[in-house]
C-alpha cells in the first residue's frame, strides 16, 4: 500500500481537515519578425486589403504577463431572474494546484470542458512557475526558506504549466490561486497563520506569476495574457485551513469569493467579510450512512484510507462510487433547492486514475441535463451579484434536498417578498459578517 507523499505531489489540497464521513460524516512575445530568406527585392504579390491592426498588449513588469483587454469566450453579462423563475442549476468544477505533468491532465480536462461547453476555475500554485533552482526566492511564513510540502516542478513541467494556464485563460476559464507551499501540519501549518502571513504568501504567489520570465530564463514563450492582480478574485487554501485569518486580507485586496470552507451543505451561499463563501459540500456517499465532501481526496480517504495505490480489484467499484457520489449530489440539488454544486479536484492518478475518470464521467452526464450551467466561480459570483438580495435570501431558507412546497413560481413570487427579505442597513439577513 503506497501512501501519499506530499513532496512532489501536484496540487494536493484537501488534507485530512477536509474529510467528511471517515471520522465524523495568438499573443506575440515581442520577438522581431523573421527576415526574408531570399536576397534582393521581394517578388510582387497580389494586393490584399490590410486587416485592422489589433491593439497592442500592455506588458507588465518583465513581460511575464500582459494586459490584453477583455477575456475571450465570456458569457453575456447576467441579469436578475424573473419573478417566479426557477433558478438555473450551477455546477462549478475547480482544480487545486493546476500544474501540468507528463500525465497531461490539465490538457485532458481543458478538452473535456471544451467538448461540453464548460468553464472551470484553476487554482494555480505560485511555486509551480518557480524553478527549483530558484527555490530560495520563496520565503514561506514560519517555514524554512525554499520549503514546500508539494515540492517543485521540473523546468519542462514549468513550461508546460505556463502553456496550459495561457490556453485556459484564452478559452475563458478562471485562474485563481492555491497559494504556494501547501503546509498543512506542524507549527508552520497555514491553519496557524496570521493575516500578515497570508498577505506575504499572496504577494509571493502573485510575484512568481509576474516574474516567471526572469526566474526561468524562458524567452521563447508568450506572456500570460492577463494582469494577475486584476484576474485574481478568489482562492482555496491548502487543506481547507486558515480561512479565518485569510478573509480580512482577501477582503482588503478586493477579492470577491473564497472557496476554503471545510464542510458546507448543499444550500445557497452567503457572504463573510463581504466575500461569497463557496465551500466544498457534503454529498450523499453511496453505500454509507454518512456524507462525503465533494472532492477526490475525500473519496480516497474514505475508500483506501489515504493510500494512493491500493488493490486494483477495488478500483472499478470505487470509481462507480465516486461517480455516483457526484451525481447524487447533483440530483439532490437539481431536483429540489437548485443550490449550486461545487466540485474540487486535483490533477492526480491516485488508485489508477479512478477519480479522474469518475469526475469526467460525472461532468458528461451532468452536462446532458437542461438548465444546467457549467461555469467558473467568477461567472457564478457575477450571477449572484446580479440578483435581487431578497431573492437570494429567500433561496437560503431552503435546506439541502428541500424543494419549494408550492413550486418555484409561488415561492419566488410571494407577495411581500421584497419587504420581508429586504436589506437592512446594507446587510442581508442570512449573510455572516465576521468582525
Protein backbone atom coordinates (compact mmCIF):
# COMPACT_ATOMS: atom_id res chain seq x y z
CA UNK A 1 0.00 0.00 0.00
CA UNK A 2 1.52 3.29 -1.08
CA UNK A 3 0.69 6.38 0.96
CA UNK A 4 0.58 9.98 -0.21
CA UNK A 5 3.92 11.73 -0.26
CA UNK A 6 3.42 15.48 -0.17
CA UNK A 7 6.78 16.24 -1.73
CA UNK A 8 6.41 16.29 -5.49
CA UNK A 9 2.66 15.73 -5.39
CA UNK A 10 0.99 18.21 -7.74
CA UNK A 11 -1.87 20.08 -6.18
CA UNK A 12 -2.68 18.03 -3.07
CA UNK A 13 -5.14 20.34 -1.37
CA UNK A 14 -7.90 18.95 0.78
CA UNK A 15 -6.00 17.19 3.58
CA UNK A 16 -7.47 15.32 6.48
CA UNK A 17 -9.13 18.51 7.73
CA UNK A 18 -11.47 18.33 4.74
CA UNK A 19 -12.60 14.72 5.14
CA UNK A 20 -16.29 14.21 5.81
CA UNK A 21 -17.59 10.80 6.76
CA UNK A 22 -14.36 8.98 7.61
CA UNK A 23 -14.46 10.11 11.20
CA UNK A 24 -17.43 12.40 11.68
CA UNK A 25 -19.64 12.39 8.43
CA UNK A 26 -2.38 34.25 -30.71
CA UNK A 27 -0.42 36.68 -28.47
CA UNK A 28 3.08 37.64 -29.72
CA UNK A 29 6.06 37.50 -27.40
CA UNK A 30 7.66 40.69 -28.67
CA UNK A 31 10.36 38.95 -30.73
CA UNK A 32 11.48 40.51 -34.01
CA UNK A 33 9.84 39.24 -37.23
CA UNK A 34 11.83 36.65 -39.10
CA UNK A 35 13.76 38.27 -42.02
CA UNK A 36 13.05 37.21 -45.58
CA UNK A 37 15.22 34.26 -46.59
CA UNK A 38 15.90 35.42 -50.18
CA UNK A 39 18.17 38.33 -51.14
CA UNK A 40 17.12 41.34 -53.16
CA UNK A 41 13.68 42.83 -53.60
CA UNK A 42 10.69 40.74 -52.72
CA UNK A 43 8.57 39.47 -55.61
CA UNK A 44 5.38 41.35 -56.38
CA UNK A 45 2.28 39.85 -54.81
CA UNK A 46 -1.40 40.48 -55.47
CA UNK A 47 -2.73 43.32 -53.38
CA UNK A 48 -4.72 42.24 -50.32
CA UNK A 49 -6.66 44.60 -48.09
CA UNK A 50 -4.91 45.12 -44.78
CA UNK A 51 -6.64 43.78 -41.71
CA UNK A 52 -7.31 46.24 -38.91
CA UNK A 53 -4.41 46.26 -36.51
CA UNK A 54 -5.20 44.79 -33.13
CA UNK A 55 -4.42 47.00 -30.14
CA UNK A 56 -1.05 46.09 -28.64
CA UNK A 57 -0.86 44.27 -25.35
CA UNK A 58 0.47 46.20 -22.38
CA UNK A 59 3.37 44.21 -20.99
CA UNK A 60 3.63 44.09 -17.22
CA UNK A 61 6.96 44.06 -15.38
CA UNK A 62 9.49 41.84 -17.14
CA UNK A 63 6.91 40.76 -19.73
CA UNK A 64 5.83 37.61 -17.89
CA UNK A 65 2.25 38.86 -18.04
CA UNK A 66 0.38 41.33 -20.21
CA UNK A 67 -2.89 43.20 -20.07
CA UNK A 68 -4.59 42.16 -23.31
CA UNK A 69 -8.01 43.57 -22.53
CA UNK A 70 -11.25 41.68 -22.06
CA UNK A 71 -11.01 37.93 -21.62
CA UNK A 72 -12.27 35.96 -24.64
CA UNK A 73 -15.16 33.49 -24.57
CA UNK A 74 -17.11 35.04 -21.72
CA UNK A 75 -20.88 34.68 -21.28
CA UNK A 76 -23.14 37.70 -21.63
CA UNK A 77 -23.48 39.85 -18.51
CA UNK A 78 -26.03 38.19 -16.22
CA UNK A 79 -29.30 39.78 -15.21
CA UNK A 80 -31.74 39.18 -12.38
CA UNK A 81 -34.16 36.28 -12.52
CA UNK A 82 -37.75 36.98 -13.46
CA UNK A 83 -40.32 36.79 -10.63
CA UNK A 84 -41.26 33.16 -10.03
CA UNK A 85 -38.44 31.81 -12.23
CA UNK A 86 -36.81 28.53 -11.24
CA UNK A 87 -33.07 29.14 -10.66
CA UNK A 88 -30.63 27.57 -13.09
CA UNK A 89 -28.54 24.70 -11.76
CA UNK A 90 -24.95 25.88 -11.41
CA UNK A 91 -22.14 23.33 -11.23
CA UNK A 92 -18.58 24.58 -10.72
CA UNK A 93 -15.61 22.29 -11.35
CA UNK A 94 -12.35 23.56 -9.86
CA UNK A 95 -8.78 22.27 -9.70
CA UNK A 96 -6.31 22.74 -6.85
CA UNK A 97 -2.66 23.24 -7.75
CA UNK A 98 -3.29 23.16 -11.50
CA UNK A 99 0.13 22.10 -12.78
CA UNK A 100 0.83 20.11 -15.94
CA UNK A 101 2.91 16.92 -15.63
CA UNK A 102 3.58 14.11 -18.09
CA UNK A 103 0.11 12.76 -17.34
CA UNK A 104 -1.37 15.61 -19.41
CA UNK A 105 -4.36 16.02 -17.09
CA UNK A 106 -4.54 19.80 -17.47
CA UNK A 107 -4.77 19.28 -21.24
CA UNK A 108 -7.29 16.47 -20.80
CA UNK A 109 -9.74 18.50 -18.76
CA UNK A 110 -9.44 21.59 -20.93
CA UNK A 111 -10.64 19.36 -23.76
CA UNK A 112 -13.43 17.90 -21.63
CA UNK A 113 -14.56 21.43 -20.82
CA UNK A 114 -14.45 22.47 -24.49
CA UNK A 115 -16.42 19.39 -25.57
CA UNK A 116 -19.25 20.16 -23.13
CA UNK A 117 -19.36 23.95 -23.11
CA UNK A 118 -17.98 24.18 -19.58
CA UNK A 119 -15.85 26.85 -17.93
CA UNK A 120 -13.73 25.93 -14.92
CA UNK A 121 -11.62 27.51 -12.19
CA UNK A 122 -7.95 26.58 -11.99
CA UNK A 123 -6.35 27.42 -8.64
CA UNK A 124 -2.70 27.85 -9.57
CA UNK A 125 0.06 27.18 -7.03
CA UNK A 126 2.51 30.05 -7.47
CA UNK A 127 5.64 27.95 -6.97
CA UNK A 128 4.67 25.83 -9.98
CA UNK A 129 6.09 28.71 -12.04
CA UNK A 130 9.29 28.92 -9.95
CA UNK A 131 12.21 26.65 -10.94
CA UNK A 132 13.62 24.54 -8.13
CA UNK A 133 17.00 26.17 -8.70
CA UNK A 134 15.37 29.42 -7.52
CA UNK A 135 13.53 27.93 -4.57
CA UNK A 136 15.39 30.28 -2.22
CA UNK A 137 13.24 33.09 -3.64
CA UNK A 138 10.29 31.63 -1.71
CA UNK A 139 10.12 32.64 1.95
CA UNK A 140 7.12 30.82 3.42
CA UNK A 141 5.79 32.08 6.74
CA UNK A 142 7.01 30.02 9.72
CA UNK A 143 8.83 27.53 7.48
CA UNK A 144 12.41 27.34 6.19
CA UNK A 145 13.36 29.38 3.13
CA UNK A 146 12.51 27.41 0.00
CA UNK A 147 10.46 24.81 1.84
CA UNK A 148 7.43 23.29 0.12
CA UNK A 149 5.20 20.40 1.13
CA UNK A 150 4.39 19.75 -2.54
CA UNK A 151 7.87 20.14 -3.98
CA UNK A 152 8.72 22.00 -7.19
CA UNK A 153 8.14 21.20 -10.84
CA UNK A 154 10.90 20.40 -13.30
CA UNK A 155 11.75 23.13 -15.79
CA UNK A 156 9.94 21.16 -18.51
CA UNK A 157 6.82 20.97 -16.39
CA UNK A 158 7.02 24.68 -15.56
CA UNK A 159 6.99 25.35 -19.31
CA UNK A 160 4.06 23.00 -19.82
CA UNK A 161 2.14 24.63 -16.97
CA UNK A 162 2.71 28.09 -18.44
CA UNK A 163 1.32 26.87 -21.77
CA UNK A 164 -1.76 25.38 -20.10
CA UNK A 165 -2.51 28.42 -17.95
CA UNK A 166 -2.22 30.67 -21.01
CA UNK A 167 -4.54 28.48 -23.10
CA UNK A 168 -7.03 28.04 -20.26
CA UNK A 169 -7.45 31.80 -19.82
CA UNK A 170 -7.79 32.37 -23.56
CA UNK A 171 -10.52 29.72 -23.60
CA UNK A 172 -12.47 31.61 -20.95
CA UNK A 173 -11.51 29.75 -17.76
CA UNK A 174 -10.67 31.45 -14.48
CA UNK A 175 -7.18 31.46 -12.92
CA UNK A 176 -7.34 31.65 -9.13
CA UNK A 177 -4.68 30.82 -6.55
CA UNK A 178 -3.86 27.85 -4.33
CA UNK A 179 -1.05 29.93 -2.79
CA UNK A 180 2.42 28.30 -2.66
CA UNK A 181 3.95 25.77 -0.27
CA UNK A 182 0.85 23.90 0.90
CA UNK A 183 1.75 23.48 4.57
CA UNK A 184 -0.91 21.52 6.45
CA UNK A 185 0.79 20.21 9.59
CA UNK A 186 3.11 21.30 12.36
CA UNK A 187 3.89 24.73 13.73
CA UNK A 188 4.18 26.16 10.21
CA UNK A 189 0.73 24.98 9.11
CA UNK A 190 -1.38 27.51 7.24
CA UNK A 191 -4.02 26.88 9.88
CA UNK A 192 -1.81 28.80 12.32
CA UNK A 193 -1.00 31.72 10.02
CA UNK A 194 -1.92 35.30 10.84
CA UNK A 195 -3.43 37.76 8.38
CA UNK A 196 0.06 39.25 7.95
CA UNK A 197 1.36 35.80 6.99
CA UNK A 198 -1.39 35.37 4.41
CA UNK A 199 -0.61 38.76 2.90
CA UNK A 200 3.05 37.72 2.45
CA UNK A 201 2.02 34.40 0.90
CA UNK A 202 -0.36 36.08 -1.53
CA UNK A 203 2.19 38.68 -2.61
CA UNK A 204 4.73 35.94 -3.27
CA UNK A 205 2.23 33.85 -5.25
CA UNK A 206 1.48 36.86 -7.45
CA UNK A 207 5.17 37.71 -7.80
CA UNK A 208 6.00 34.21 -9.06
CA UNK A 209 3.37 34.62 -11.78
CA UNK A 210 4.53 38.12 -12.68
CA UNK A 211 8.23 37.23 -12.84
CA UNK A 212 8.43 33.73 -14.31
CA UNK A 213 10.36 35.05 -17.33
CA UNK A 214 13.16 36.37 -15.13
CA UNK A 215 13.13 33.37 -12.80
CA UNK A 216 13.11 30.72 -15.53
CA UNK A 217 15.10 32.44 -18.27
CA UNK A 218 12.47 31.28 -20.78
CA UNK A 219 12.43 33.90 -23.54
CA UNK A 220 10.64 31.93 -26.26
CA UNK A 221 7.23 31.78 -24.55
CA UNK A 222 4.44 34.31 -24.86
CA UNK A 223 3.48 36.24 -21.73
CA UNK A 224 0.46 35.12 -19.79
CA UNK A 225 -2.29 37.25 -21.37
CA UNK A 226 -3.76 38.72 -18.20
CA UNK A 227 -2.94 41.10 -15.38
CA UNK A 228 -2.92 38.64 -12.49
CA UNK A 229 -3.69 41.25 -9.85
CA UNK A 230 -6.91 42.02 -11.74
CA UNK A 231 -7.63 38.41 -12.63
CA UNK A 232 -7.27 37.13 -9.07
CA UNK A 233 -10.60 37.35 -7.23
CA UNK A 234 -10.68 34.11 -5.24
CA UNK A 235 -8.79 31.16 -3.82
CA UNK A 236 -8.86 27.86 -1.99
CA UNK A 237 -6.46 27.35 0.91
CA UNK A 238 -4.31 24.23 1.35
CA UNK A 239 -6.20 21.51 3.22
CA UNK A 240 -9.08 23.96 3.69
CA UNK A 241 -7.24 25.53 6.63
CA UNK A 242 -6.69 29.13 7.71
CA UNK A 243 -9.77 30.79 6.23
CA UNK A 244 -10.50 32.89 9.31
CA UNK A 245 -7.19 34.80 9.07
CA UNK A 246 -7.25 34.89 5.26
CA UNK A 247 -10.65 36.54 4.83
CA UNK A 248 -9.76 40.01 6.20
CA UNK A 249 -6.80 40.14 3.79
CA UNK A 250 -8.85 38.87 0.85
CA UNK A 251 -11.49 41.49 1.59
CA UNK A 252 -8.94 44.32 1.66
CA UNK A 253 -7.48 43.07 -1.62
CA UNK A 254 -10.91 43.31 -3.25
CA UNK A 255 -11.40 39.58 -3.78
CA UNK A 256 -14.99 38.51 -4.36
CA UNK A 257 -15.17 34.95 -3.04
CA UNK A 258 -13.36 32.27 -1.09
CA UNK A 259 -13.68 28.51 -1.64
CA UNK A 260 -11.86 27.33 1.50
CA UNK A 261 -14.66 26.41 3.90
CA UNK A 262 -14.10 22.84 5.12
CA UNK A 263 -17.59 21.43 5.04
CA UNK A 264 -20.55 23.28 3.64
CA UNK A 265 -24.00 21.97 2.91
CA UNK A 266 -25.85 21.98 -0.39
CA UNK A 267 -27.57 25.30 0.22
CA UNK A 268 -27.41 28.72 -1.40
CA UNK A 269 -24.33 30.69 -0.31
CA UNK A 270 -23.96 33.77 1.85
CA UNK A 271 -21.18 36.29 2.42
CA UNK A 272 -18.46 36.54 5.04
CA UNK A 273 -16.36 39.70 5.23
CA UNK A 274 -18.21 40.76 2.08
CA UNK A 275 -16.88 37.74 0.12
CA UNK A 276 -19.10 34.97 -1.17
CA UNK A 277 -18.37 31.85 0.90
CA UNK A 278 -18.33 28.92 -1.57
CA UNK A 279 -17.41 25.76 0.34
CA UNK A 280 -16.82 22.19 -0.65
CA UNK A 281 -20.09 20.46 0.18
CA UNK A 282 -21.25 17.30 1.90
CA UNK A 283 -22.88 14.95 -0.63
CA UNK A 284 -24.58 11.57 -0.31
CA UNK A 285 -21.98 8.78 -0.31
CA UNK A 286 -23.49 5.66 -1.90
CA UNK A 287 -23.36 2.62 0.35
CA UNK A 288 -22.76 4.63 3.52
CA UNK A 289 -24.86 6.37 6.14
CA UNK A 290 -22.64 9.45 6.15
CA UNK A 291 -21.86 12.08 3.54
CA UNK A 292 -18.58 12.92 1.85
CA UNK A 293 -17.04 16.22 0.77
CA UNK A 294 -17.21 17.00 -2.93
CA UNK A 295 -13.53 16.38 -3.73
CA UNK A 296 -11.38 13.50 -4.96
CA UNK A 297 -9.16 13.43 -1.86
CA UNK A 298 -12.17 12.87 0.38
CA UNK A 299 -13.32 9.97 -1.77
CA UNK A 300 -9.84 8.46 -1.45
CA UNK A 301 -9.71 9.00 2.32
CA UNK A 302 -12.94 7.08 2.77
CA UNK A 303 -12.09 4.30 0.31
CA UNK A 304 -8.39 3.50 0.76
CA UNK A 305 -7.53 5.38 3.97
CA UNK A 306 -5.43 7.90 2.01
CA UNK A 307 -3.39 5.24 0.18
CA UNK A 308 -2.82 6.27 -3.43
CA UNK A 309 -2.09 2.75 -4.75
CA UNK A 310 -4.31 0.05 -3.35
CA UNK A 311 -5.55 -3.34 -4.51
CA UNK A 312 -6.63 -2.82 -8.16
CA UNK A 313 -9.52 -5.19 -7.63
CA UNK A 314 -11.21 -2.40 -5.69
CA UNK A 315 -10.83 0.21 -8.42
CA UNK A 316 -13.96 -0.45 -10.53
CA UNK A 317 -16.27 -0.32 -7.50
CA UNK A 318 -14.57 2.73 -6.03
CA UNK A 319 -14.77 4.55 -9.36
CA UNK A 320 -18.51 3.87 -9.61
CA UNK A 321 -18.98 5.01 -6.03
CA UNK A 322 -17.10 8.27 -6.62
CA UNK A 323 -19.05 9.00 -9.80
CA UNK A 324 -22.36 8.25 -8.12
CA UNK A 325 -21.47 10.49 -5.19
CA UNK A 326 -21.04 13.45 -7.55
CA UNK A 327 -24.22 12.53 -9.41
CA UNK A 328 -26.18 12.04 -6.18
CA UNK A 329 -25.13 15.49 -5.02
CA UNK A 330 -26.11 16.91 -8.38
CA UNK A 331 -29.53 15.23 -8.46
CA UNK A 332 -30.33 16.28 -4.90
CA UNK A 333 -29.82 19.94 -5.81
CA UNK A 334 -31.21 19.77 -9.35
CA UNK A 335 -34.48 18.16 -8.26
CA UNK A 336 -35.02 20.25 -5.12
CA UNK A 337 -33.50 23.57 -3.96
CA UNK A 338 -31.28 24.15 -7.01
CA UNK A 339 -28.33 25.04 -4.77
CA UNK A 340 -25.04 25.34 -6.67
CA UNK A 341 -22.78 22.28 -6.62
CA UNK A 342 -19.07 22.91 -6.04
CA UNK A 343 -16.71 20.10 -7.07
CA UNK A 344 -12.98 20.30 -6.31
CA UNK A 345 -10.26 18.00 -7.63
CA UNK A 346 -6.53 17.68 -8.29
CA UNK A 347 -4.61 16.59 -11.36
CA UNK A 348 -3.69 13.19 -9.93
CA UNK A 349 -3.65 9.48 -10.75
CA UNK A 350 -4.49 8.06 -7.35
CA UNK A 351 -5.71 4.46 -7.32
CA UNK A 352 -5.17 4.01 -11.03
CA UNK A 353 -6.73 7.32 -12.05
CA UNK A 354 -10.23 6.29 -10.98
CA UNK A 355 -11.10 9.72 -9.55
CA UNK A 356 -10.22 11.48 -12.79
CA UNK A 357 -12.42 9.03 -14.68
CA UNK A 358 -15.23 9.49 -12.16
CA UNK A 359 -15.27 13.30 -12.31
CA UNK A 360 -15.05 13.32 -16.13
CA UNK A 361 -17.92 10.86 -16.43
CA UNK A 362 -19.97 12.86 -13.92
CA UNK A 363 -19.38 16.10 -15.83
CA UNK A 364 -20.52 14.50 -19.09
CA UNK A 365 -23.72 13.18 -17.52
CA UNK A 366 -24.46 16.45 -15.74
CA UNK A 367 -23.98 18.39 -18.97
CA UNK A 368 -26.82 16.42 -20.60
CA UNK A 369 -29.44 17.97 -18.29
CA UNK A 370 -31.49 21.02 -19.20
CA UNK A 371 -30.96 24.34 -17.48
CA UNK A 372 -27.50 23.37 -16.20
CA UNK A 373 -24.72 25.93 -16.27
CA UNK A 374 -21.15 24.63 -16.02
CA UNK A 375 -19.33 27.80 -15.05
CA UNK A 376 -16.30 29.11 -13.19
CA UNK A 377 -16.51 30.63 -9.72
CA UNK A 378 -16.04 34.05 -11.33
CA UNK A 379 -19.06 33.55 -13.57
CA UNK A 380 -21.12 32.27 -10.64
CA UNK A 381 -20.43 35.27 -8.39
CA UNK A 382 -21.18 37.55 -11.34
CA UNK A 383 -24.62 35.93 -11.44
CA UNK A 384 -25.07 36.18 -7.67
CA UNK A 385 -24.22 39.87 -7.69
CA UNK A 386 -26.82 40.49 -10.40
CA UNK A 387 -29.67 39.02 -8.36
CA UNK A 388 -32.09 40.78 -6.04
CA UNK A 389 -30.72 40.26 -2.50
CA UNK A 390 -34.23 39.46 -1.28
CA UNK A 391 -34.46 36.58 -3.75
CA UNK A 392 -31.11 35.16 -2.63
CA UNK A 393 -32.16 35.47 1.00
CA UNK A 394 -35.33 33.50 0.24
CA UNK A 395 -33.34 30.82 -1.57
CA UNK A 396 -31.14 30.41 1.50
CA UNK A 397 -34.17 29.30 3.50
CA UNK A 398 -34.28 26.01 1.57
CA UNK A 399 -32.42 23.16 3.27
CA UNK A 400 -30.44 20.51 1.34
CA UNK A 401 -32.90 18.37 -0.57
CA UNK A 402 -35.82 20.73 0.14
CA UNK A 403 -37.91 21.88 -2.80
CA UNK A 404 -40.40 24.75 -2.60
CA UNK A 405 -43.60 23.15 -1.33
CA UNK A 406 -45.89 25.01 -3.74
CA UNK A 407 -43.46 25.25 -6.64
CA UNK A 408 -40.98 27.85 -7.76
CA UNK A 409 -43.46 30.29 -9.24
CA UNK A 410 -45.20 30.80 -5.93
CA UNK A 411 -42.03 30.54 -3.83
CA UNK A 412 -40.24 33.38 -5.62
CA UNK A 413 -43.32 35.46 -6.41
CA UNK A 414 -44.82 35.55 -2.93
CA UNK A 415 -46.48 38.88 -2.05
CA UNK A 416 -44.30 40.87 0.30
CA UNK A 417 -41.10 39.04 -0.71
CA UNK A 418 -39.22 42.27 -1.29
CA UNK A 419 -40.26 43.66 2.07
CA UNK A 420 -39.72 40.52 4.14
CA UNK A 421 -36.25 39.77 2.77
CA UNK A 422 -35.02 43.28 2.04
CA UNK A 423 -31.60 44.51 3.06
CA UNK A 424 -31.41 46.07 6.50
CA UNK A 425 -28.69 48.70 6.66
CA UNK A 426 -26.89 47.12 3.71
CA UNK A 427 -26.61 43.67 5.35
CA UNK A 428 -28.88 40.94 4.06
CA UNK A 429 -30.33 38.50 6.56
CA UNK A 430 -28.54 35.19 6.29
CA UNK A 431 -25.21 36.82 5.47
CA UNK A 432 -22.48 36.30 8.05
CA UNK A 433 -20.30 39.34 8.71
CA UNK A 434 -17.39 38.39 10.92
CA UNK A 435 -15.80 41.12 12.98
